[in-house]
Amino acid sequence: MIPKIVFVSAMALVILGVSGVAGQNRTGTIKVIGTGKAEGMPILNSWFTTEPSTDALIIPTRVHGVVTADSIRRFMRIYFPRTYEELLEYGFLFLAQVDMQFLGPREEKWLYDALTEHRKGAVNTRSVMSMNDVFNLPWRDSPLSRTFPNDAEAVVADKTLIRGARTIREVAGDLVIRDDLELPAIMSPFKDPIEGAYGQYRGLNTIPKPGSVILSYLRTDGNVGQPVPGQVAHVFYWRWNRSITFTFQDMIYDRFWSSRSIGEANPYALDIIANIVWFSTGRELPGDPYRVHEYRSDLYEFATRKNLLVSLLDFAERFGANPSREYRKLRDVEDIKSVSTDLYLDAEFDSAVNELESALELMAELEGESRELKDKALLWVYFVEWAVTTGVFLFAGFVLWTLMVRRRLYREVGITALTL
């Protein structure tokens, strides 16, 4: 199933592959609605298109760059589920700094009812969506905020003076991931490789409600932090009726969550996100998270190399090559990748990694054949260029020799005598 994605590129809005029939999703996948600040939508897009177990609908609901309020209203009108029953087909909700004005009373009630009456999972980011009152006050006043573990009213009330304005308190400290045995293994398997990389990490203040479970926190120097002074919750969750909802202290384009293209990005960000989605929707967490991480890394590599290979074949075809044989082989490689995805969805992770690695090996062979095809196609280009260059050189030499050496076009001037 091709996911529904609406996201922001550097210069324009891009709409990728809209699903044909609402509710049709691949067996074993979890349908996700991701929405929020347009700046973060490409990151959600990257996560939920890379992860095979998710099928995402991503819509911006906060202006940024070229995404205007009118664009957002149009996207919501076209892509947001039309009925409550259609909304219930989605198992997970990701609210990444939402501007609540774009969620009307009907949509807000639907989301609240879905989380309250059914088993769903959800995340909201940056504590109370923003340090700015324009965004955090509507969130505080929304019934939807009551379904999340962060005490929005208490956070908004605890303001401090920053840059001449009263805003939500920012905190900084070393990031600590809890590894208590009774906690679900959502973040703890990755404690050692990532914990030391985020000294003096920053985020907004959070105040977990009673019953919340804290998975990570910032260790601060002062007394800021509840329920433990000096500890400000970073990622935490609670149970709201049958649902499990999470709050993140930071933004998804902060260092801890940001894209692979960022030098300081967390290589395990997608693994943590997938664990959150799986845990909150009742799916069993992987017994060997590093093996699953290996599969996702290989999957990301496969997608990147496939895109480069298709571009190479398209380039060769433009110069007269016939890449039909290479495209047939690529389809065979994709079939193997599809088998690995099915194994992954069936939680047969070792077999999935082995299948995907064999697909990557065949991809390497196909890349070599495609380079040879490109070289053969360009050989004629090089030959024509050489022939044209050589022909012009010889013609210029002939003209130069004719005019300046043989002087065939010149006639001797006769000598005349001057008579007085």
Protein backbone atom coordinates (compact mmCIF):
# COMPACT_ATOMS: atom_id res chain seq x y z
CA MET A 1 0.00 0.00 0.00
CA ILE A 2 1.44 3.33 -1.02
CA PRO A 3 1.19 5.75 1.91
CA LYS A 4 -0.65 9.05 1.73
CA ILE A 5 1.90 11.79 2.26
CA VAL A 6 1.62 15.56 2.06
CA PHE A 7 4.91 17.26 2.95
CA VAL A 8 7.10 20.29 2.29
CA SER A 9 10.11 20.28 -0.01
CA ALA A 10 12.59 23.14 -0.19
CA MET A 11 10.72 25.00 -2.92
CA ALA A 12 7.24 23.56 -3.21
CA LEU A 13 4.58 21.31 -1.78
CA VAL A 14 4.77 17.74 -2.97
CA ILE A 15 1.92 15.25 -2.76
CA LEU A 16 3.02 11.63 -3.00
CA GLY A 17 0.88 8.64 -3.95
CA VAL A 18 -2.62 8.89 -2.50
CA SER A 19 -4.13 5.53 -1.58
CA GLY A 20 -7.04 4.46 -3.70
CA VAL A 21 -9.45 3.08 -1.10
CA ALA A 22 -9.75 4.24 2.48
CA GLY A 23 -9.02 1.51 4.97
CA GLN A 24 -7.01 -0.73 2.67
CA ASN A 25 -3.64 -1.28 4.25
CA ARG A 26 -1.06 -3.98 4.00
CA THR A 27 -1.48 -6.88 6.39
CA GLY A 28 0.43 -6.21 9.58
CA THR A 29 0.88 -2.47 9.08
CA ILE A 30 -0.30 0.28 11.41
CA LYS A 31 -2.06 3.26 9.89
CA VAL A 32 -0.66 6.55 11.20
CA ILE A 33 -1.86 10.15 11.05
CA GLY A 34 1.08 12.55 11.38
CA THR A 35 0.47 16.28 11.52
CA GLY A 36 2.03 19.46 12.84
CA LYS A 37 4.52 22.16 11.89
CA ALA A 38 5.36 21.97 8.20
CA GLU A 39 9.09 22.09 8.96
CA GLY A 40 8.91 18.69 10.62
CA MET A 41 6.71 16.90 8.10
CA PRO A 42 9.60 15.69 5.89
CA ILE A 43 11.03 13.95 8.97
CA LEU A 44 7.71 12.19 9.64
CA ASN A 45 7.62 11.31 5.96
CA SER A 46 11.10 9.80 6.17
CA TRP A 47 10.29 7.77 9.28
CA PHE A 48 6.98 6.32 8.24
CA THR A 49 7.92 5.55 4.63
CA THR A 50 11.15 3.82 5.68
CA GLU A 51 9.45 1.76 8.40
CA PRO A 52 7.57 -1.16 6.74
CA SER A 53 5.10 -1.57 9.60
CA THR A 54 3.51 1.87 9.14
CA ASP A 55 1.18 3.32 6.51
CA ALA A 56 1.03 7.08 6.98
CA LEU A 57 -1.16 10.06 6.20
CA ILE A 58 0.92 13.19 6.87
CA ILE A 59 -0.60 16.67 6.70
CA PRO A 60 0.94 19.97 7.88
CA THR A 61 -1.17 21.87 10.43
CA ARG A 62 1.13 24.76 11.20
CA VAL A 63 2.49 27.28 8.72
CA HIS A 64 6.17 27.38 7.82
CA GLY A 65 8.00 28.57 4.73
CA VAL A 66 5.92 28.13 1.59
CA VAL A 67 3.11 26.35 3.46
CA THR A 68 0.38 28.91 4.05
CA ALA A 69 -2.79 28.81 6.13
CA ASP A 70 -4.88 28.49 2.96
CA SER A 71 -2.77 25.51 1.84
CA ILE A 72 -3.25 23.80 5.19
CA ARG A 73 -7.01 24.31 5.14
CA ARG A 74 -7.14 22.85 1.64
CA PHE A 75 -5.05 19.83 2.68
CA MET A 76 -7.25 19.21 5.73
CA ARG A 77 -10.39 19.45 3.62
CA ILE A 78 -9.07 17.01 1.03
CA TYR A 79 -7.02 14.48 3.02
CA PHE A 80 -8.20 14.37 6.63
CA PRO A 81 -10.63 11.47 7.25
CA ARG A 82 -14.15 12.46 6.25
CA THR A 83 -15.96 10.36 8.88
CA TYR A 84 -15.30 9.18 12.41
CA GLU A 85 -15.39 5.58 11.21
CA GLU A 86 -12.64 6.33 8.70
CA LEU A 87 -10.57 7.99 11.43
CA LEU A 88 -10.87 4.87 13.58
CA GLU A 89 -8.99 2.91 10.91
CA TYR A 90 -5.85 4.74 12.05
CA GLY A 91 -4.08 3.23 15.03
CA PHE A 92 -1.58 5.96 15.85
CA LEU A 93 -1.64 9.76 16.00
CA PHE A 94 1.50 11.93 15.86
CA LEU A 95 0.98 15.60 16.80
CA ALA A 96 4.23 17.48 16.10
CA GLN A 97 3.73 21.12 17.21
CA VAL A 98 0.19 21.45 15.93
CA ASP A 99 -1.54 24.80 15.51
CA MET A 100 -4.94 23.92 16.97
CA GLN A 101 -6.81 26.46 14.83
CA PHE A 102 -6.53 24.02 11.92
CA LEU A 103 -8.25 21.23 13.85
CA GLY A 104 -11.91 22.20 13.90
CA PRO A 105 -14.28 21.25 16.74
CA ARG A 106 -15.42 18.18 14.81
CA GLU A 107 -11.89 16.87 14.12
CA GLU A 108 -10.81 17.64 17.68
CA LYS A 109 -13.77 15.73 19.12
CA TRP A 110 -13.14 12.78 16.80
CA LEU A 111 -9.51 12.53 17.92
CA TYR A 112 -10.47 12.85 21.58
CA ASP A 113 -13.18 10.21 21.29
CA ALA A 114 -10.88 7.85 19.37
CA LEU A 115 -8.22 8.03 22.09
CA THR A 116 -10.81 7.80 24.87
CA GLU A 117 -13.07 5.03 23.60
CA HIS A 118 -10.69 2.84 21.60
CA ARG A 119 -7.20 1.41 21.86
CA LYS A 120 -4.92 3.86 20.07
CA GLY A 121 -1.42 5.28 20.41
CA ALA A 122 -0.37 8.91 20.17
CA VAL A 123 2.52 11.37 20.60
CA ASN A 124 2.56 15.12 21.10
CA THR A 125 5.82 17.06 20.84
CA ARG A 126 7.53 20.04 22.35
CA SER A 127 5.78 19.71 25.68
CA VAL A 128 2.79 22.02 25.08
CA MET A 129 3.37 22.38 21.30
CA SER A 130 5.33 25.64 21.62
CA MET A 131 6.81 28.19 24.02
CA ASN A 132 4.59 30.76 22.26
CA ASP A 133 1.18 31.51 23.81
CA VAL A 134 -0.38 31.66 20.36
CA PHE A 135 0.08 27.90 20.14
CA ASN A 136 0.33 26.60 23.72
CA LEU A 137 -2.81 28.29 25.12
CA PRO A 138 -5.18 26.70 22.56
CA TRP A 139 -3.50 23.36 23.29
CA ARG A 140 -3.90 23.85 27.04
CA ASP A 141 -7.58 24.63 26.59
CA SER A 142 -8.24 21.72 24.24
CA PRO A 143 -9.88 18.55 25.60
CA LEU A 144 -7.38 16.67 23.43
CA SER A 145 -4.49 17.76 25.68
CA ARG A 146 -6.11 15.93 28.59
CA THR A 147 -5.43 12.61 26.87
CA PHE A 148 -1.65 13.17 27.01
CA PRO A 149 0.63 12.68 30.05
CA ASN A 150 2.00 16.23 30.18
CA ASP A 151 0.16 18.64 32.53
CA ALA A 152 -0.33 21.42 29.99
CA GLU A 153 -2.04 23.76 32.44
CA ALA A 154 0.81 23.51 34.98
CA VAL A 155 3.49 23.92 32.29
CA VAL A 156 1.87 27.03 30.82
CA ALA A 157 1.51 28.52 34.33
CA ASP A 158 5.23 28.00 35.03
CA LYS A 159 6.70 30.72 32.83
CA THR A 160 9.99 32.55 32.92
CA LEU A 161 11.42 35.73 31.35
CA ILE A 162 13.18 34.97 28.06
CA ARG A 163 14.23 37.66 25.58
CA GLY A 164 11.96 40.22 27.22
CA ALA A 165 8.80 38.08 27.12
CA ARG A 166 7.09 35.64 29.45
CA THR A 167 7.41 32.24 27.77
CA ILE A 168 7.50 28.57 28.68
CA ARG A 169 10.61 27.74 30.66
CA GLU A 170 13.48 26.24 28.64
CA VAL A 171 15.72 23.74 30.40
CA ALA A 172 19.11 22.24 29.57
CA GLY A 173 21.00 19.29 30.93
CA ASP A 174 22.56 15.93 30.21
CA LEU A 175 20.18 13.45 28.62
CA VAL A 176 19.64 10.31 30.71
CA ILE A 177 17.85 7.19 29.45
CA ARG A 178 16.35 5.05 32.19
CA ASP A 179 17.14 1.34 32.00
CA ASP A 180 15.04 0.01 34.89
CA LEU A 181 14.10 -3.61 34.25
CA GLU A 182 10.39 -2.97 34.76
CA LEU A 183 10.30 -0.40 31.94
CA PRO A 184 9.41 -1.42 28.37
CA ALA A 185 12.50 -1.69 26.16
CA ILE A 186 11.62 1.32 24.04
CA MET A 187 14.72 3.48 24.58
CA SER A 188 16.85 1.52 27.06
CA PRO A 189 18.48 -0.83 24.49
CA PHE A 190 20.15 2.22 22.92
CA LYS A 191 21.25 3.86 26.18
CA ASP A 192 25.00 3.29 25.84
CA PRO A 193 25.57 4.41 22.23
CA ILE A 194 23.46 7.58 22.38
CA GLU A 195 23.30 8.84 25.95
CA GLY A 196 26.73 10.49 26.05
CA ALA A 197 26.17 12.29 22.74
CA TYR A 198 23.58 14.67 24.14
CA GLY A 199 25.23 16.62 26.93
CA GLN A 200 23.56 19.96 27.60
CA TYR A 201 20.57 19.04 25.52
CA ARG A 202 17.72 21.57 25.53
CA GLY A 203 13.93 21.47 25.54
CA LEU A 204 10.83 22.94 27.09
CA ASN A 205 9.79 22.24 30.65
CA THR A 206 7.44 19.30 31.15
CA ILE A 207 5.36 18.29 34.15
CA PRO A 208 4.22 14.65 33.98
CA LYS A 209 0.79 13.88 35.38
CA PRO A 210 0.45 11.28 38.15
CA GLY A 211 0.70 7.80 36.66
CA SER A 212 3.15 8.83 33.95
CA VAL A 213 6.13 6.60 33.14
CA ILE A 214 9.36 8.49 32.35
CA LEU A 215 11.68 6.83 29.84
CA SER A 216 14.28 9.61 29.58
CA TYR A 217 14.95 12.94 31.27
CA LEU A 218 17.34 15.89 31.39
CA ARG A 219 19.52 16.09 34.49
CA THR A 220 19.54 19.80 35.40
CA ASP A 221 21.65 21.78 37.86
CA GLY A 222 18.76 23.56 39.58
CA ASN A 223 15.58 22.49 41.31
CA VAL A 224 13.49 22.63 38.12
CA GLY A 225 11.72 19.36 37.44
CA GLN A 226 8.75 17.33 38.62
CA PRO A 227 8.11 14.91 40.17
CA VAL A 228 11.88 14.72 40.93
CA PRO A 229 13.67 18.09 41.32
CA GLY A 230 16.63 18.31 38.94
CA GLN A 231 15.03 15.90 36.47
CA VAL A 232 12.87 17.21 33.61
CA ALA A 233 11.07 14.47 31.71
CA HIS A 234 12.14 14.12 28.07
CA VAL A 235 10.07 11.17 26.78
CA PHE A 236 7.24 9.82 28.92
CA TYR A 237 3.88 8.09 28.57
CA TRP A 238 0.74 7.10 30.45
CA ARG A 239 -2.38 5.03 29.90
CA TRP A 240 -5.51 6.95 28.97
CA ASN A 241 -8.35 4.45 29.22
CA ARG A 242 -7.36 1.84 26.61
CA SER A 243 -4.91 4.10 24.79
CA ILE A 244 -1.23 4.83 25.47
CA THR A 245 -0.06 8.37 24.76
CA PHE A 246 3.41 9.92 24.84
CA THR A 247 4.80 13.43 25.23
CA PHE A 248 8.19 14.54 23.88
CA GLN A 249 9.93 17.48 25.51
CA ASP A 250 11.64 18.53 22.27
CA MET A 251 10.93 19.00 18.57
CA ILE A 252 11.33 16.27 15.96
CA TYR A 253 13.88 18.36 14.10
CA ASP A 254 16.03 18.75 17.24
CA ARG A 255 19.25 16.74 17.35
CA PHE A 256 17.81 13.71 19.12
CA TRP A 257 15.21 13.04 16.42
CA SER A 258 16.55 14.77 13.33
CA SER A 259 17.24 13.45 9.85
CA ARG A 260 20.14 11.17 8.90
CA SER A 261 21.54 14.03 6.82
CA ILE A 262 22.33 15.95 10.01
CA GLY A 263 25.81 15.21 11.37
CA GLU A 264 24.67 14.97 15.01
CA ALA A 265 21.52 12.97 14.25
CA ASN A 266 20.58 10.04 16.46
CA PRO A 267 21.04 6.86 14.36
CA TYR A 268 18.47 5.08 16.53
CA ALA A 269 15.71 7.71 16.26
CA LEU A 270 13.58 5.60 13.91
CA ASP A 271 14.04 2.54 16.12
CA ILE A 272 12.72 4.48 19.13
CA ILE A 273 9.80 5.89 17.13
CA ALA A 274 8.88 2.44 15.80
CA ASN A 275 9.10 0.99 19.32
CA ILE A 276 6.74 3.71 20.55
CA VAL A 277 4.25 2.97 17.77
CA TRP A 278 4.46 -0.79 18.37
CA PHE A 279 4.22 -0.55 22.17
CA SER A 280 1.28 1.85 22.19
CA THR A 281 -0.69 -0.20 19.66
CA GLY A 282 -0.11 -3.51 21.43
CA ARG A 283 2.55 -5.01 19.19
CA GLU A 284 5.37 -6.97 20.85
CA LEU A 285 8.72 -5.17 20.98
CA PRO A 286 11.65 -6.91 19.22
CA GLY A 287 13.78 -9.24 21.32
CA ASP A 288 16.93 -8.18 19.44
CA PRO A 289 16.53 -4.43 18.72
CA TYR A 290 19.95 -4.17 17.10
CA ARG A 291 19.02 -6.83 14.55
CA VAL A 292 15.91 -4.83 13.71
CA HIS A 293 18.04 -1.68 13.53
CA GLU A 294 20.29 -3.49 11.05
CA TYR A 295 17.27 -4.31 8.90
CA ARG A 296 16.04 -0.71 8.91
CA SER A 297 19.51 0.57 8.04
CA ASP A 298 19.74 -1.90 5.15
CA LEU A 299 16.26 -0.86 4.05
CA TYR A 300 17.30 2.80 4.01
CA GLU A 301 20.42 1.86 2.03
CA PHE A 302 18.32 -0.20 -0.39
CA ALA A 303 15.95 2.71 -1.07
CA THR A 304 18.85 5.13 -1.59
CA ARG A 305 20.75 2.83 -3.93
CA LYS A 306 17.60 1.96 -5.86
CA ASN A 307 16.88 5.64 -6.49
CA LEU A 308 20.45 6.21 -7.68
CA LEU A 309 20.27 3.12 -9.91
CA VAL A 310 17.02 4.22 -11.54
CA SER A 311 18.53 7.66 -12.16
CA LEU A 312 21.59 6.02 -13.75
CA LEU A 313 19.46 3.85 -16.03
CA ASP A 314 17.33 6.83 -17.01
CA PHE A 315 20.52 8.76 -17.82
CA ALA A 316 21.82 5.91 -19.99
CA GLU A 317 18.48 5.60 -21.78
CA ARG A 318 18.60 9.27 -22.72
CA PHE A 319 21.79 8.50 -24.66
CA GLY A 320 20.26 5.63 -26.60
CA ALA A 321 20.86 2.66 -24.29
CA ASN A 322 18.20 -0.02 -23.85
CA PRO A 323 17.96 -0.78 -20.10
CA SER A 324 15.01 -3.19 -20.32
CA ARG A 325 17.13 -6.15 -19.15
CA GLU A 326 18.40 -4.13 -16.15
CA TYR A 327 14.85 -3.09 -15.24
CA ARG A 328 13.73 -6.73 -15.30
CA LYS A 329 16.58 -7.62 -12.94
CA LEU A 330 15.65 -4.68 -10.72
CA ARG A 331 12.11 -6.04 -10.46
CA ASP A 332 13.55 -9.39 -9.35
CA VAL A 333 15.61 -7.60 -6.70
CA GLU A 334 12.52 -5.73 -5.52
CA ASP A 335 10.65 -9.03 -5.26
CA ILE A 336 13.33 -10.31 -2.88
CA LYS A 337 13.04 -7.09 -0.89
CA SER A 338 9.26 -7.59 -0.71
CA VAL A 339 9.81 -11.09 0.67
CA SER A 340 12.09 -9.63 3.33
CA THR A 341 9.42 -7.08 4.23
CA ASP A 342 6.83 -9.83 4.67
CA LEU A 343 9.23 -11.69 6.94
CA TYR A 344 9.81 -8.49 8.91
CA LEU A 345 6.09 -7.94 9.39
CA ASP A 346 5.84 -11.54 10.61
CA ALA A 347 8.56 -10.72 13.20
CA GLU A 348 11.03 -13.12 11.55
CA PHE A 349 13.79 -10.53 11.78
CA ASP A 350 16.84 -12.76 11.17
CA SER A 351 15.34 -14.15 7.97
CA ALA A 352 14.28 -10.65 6.92
CA VAL A 353 17.85 -9.32 7.31
CA ASN A 354 19.28 -12.27 5.35
CA GLU A 355 16.82 -11.78 2.48
CA LEU A 356 17.47 -8.05 2.33
CA GLU A 357 21.23 -8.55 2.36
CA SER A 358 20.93 -10.95 -0.58
CA ALA A 359 18.89 -8.27 -2.37
CA LEU A 360 21.65 -5.75 -1.70
CA GLU A 361 24.24 -8.16 -3.12
CA LEU A 362 22.21 -8.53 -6.31
CA MET A 363 21.78 -4.77 -6.34
CA ALA A 364 25.58 -4.38 -6.31
CA GLU A 365 25.88 -6.68 -9.34
CA LEU A 366 23.14 -4.78 -11.12
CA GLU A 367 24.87 -1.47 -10.37
CA GLY A 368 28.02 -2.79 -12.07
CA GLU A 369 26.04 -3.89 -15.15
CA SER A 370 24.27 -0.53 -15.27
CA ARG A 371 27.57 1.34 -15.18
CA GLU A 372 28.79 -0.77 -18.10
CA LEU A 373 25.56 0.02 -19.98
CA LYS A 374 26.07 3.70 -19.31
CA ASP A 375 29.71 3.53 -20.47
CA LYS A 376 28.70 1.80 -23.71
CA ALA A 377 26.03 4.40 -24.36
CA LEU A 378 28.45 7.21 -23.70
CA LEU A 379 31.11 5.54 -25.88
CA TRP A 380 29.21 6.67 -28.97
CA VAL A 381 28.90 10.14 -27.49
CA TYR A 382 32.65 10.23 -26.91
CA PHE A 383 33.28 8.90 -30.43
CA VAL A 384 31.02 11.51 -32.06
CA GLU A 385 32.61 14.26 -29.99
CA TRP A 386 36.08 12.99 -30.95
CA ALA A 387 35.12 12.74 -34.63
CA VAL A 388 33.64 16.24 -34.69
CA THR A 389 36.60 17.74 -32.85
CA THR A 390 39.11 15.92 -35.05
CA GLY A 391 37.23 16.86 -38.24
CA VAL A 392 37.15 20.54 -37.31
CA PHE A 393 40.84 20.41 -36.44
CA LEU A 394 41.75 18.80 -39.80
CA PHE A 395 39.55 21.20 -41.76
CA ALA A 396 41.09 24.17 -39.99
CA GLY A 397 44.57 22.78 -40.67
CA PHE A 398 43.76 22.27 -44.35
CA VAL A 399 42.43 25.79 -44.71
CA LEU A 400 45.48 27.19 -42.93
CA TRP A 401 47.86 25.17 -45.08
CA THR A 402 46.04 26.15 -48.30
CA LEU A 403 45.99 29.84 -47.53
CA MET A 404 49.27 30.36 -45.77
CA VAL A 405 51.62 27.69 -47.16
CA ARG A 406 50.59 26.70 -50.67
CA ARG A 407 48.92 30.01 -51.34
CA ARG A 408 46.91 28.51 -54.18
CA LEU A 409 44.35 31.22 -53.92
CA TYR A 410 46.91 33.94 -54.28
CA ARG A 411 48.17 35.33 -57.66
CA GLU A 412 51.62 36.91 -58.06
CA VAL A 413 51.56 40.61 -58.64
CA GLY A 414 53.42 41.74 -61.74
CA ILE A 415 56.27 44.23 -61.53
CA THR A 416 55.67 47.56 -63.16
CA ALA A 417 58.30 50.11 -64.03
CA LEU A 418 57.87 53.70 -63.12
CA THR A 419 58.46 55.97 -66.13
CA LEU A 420 59.00 59.65 -65.83
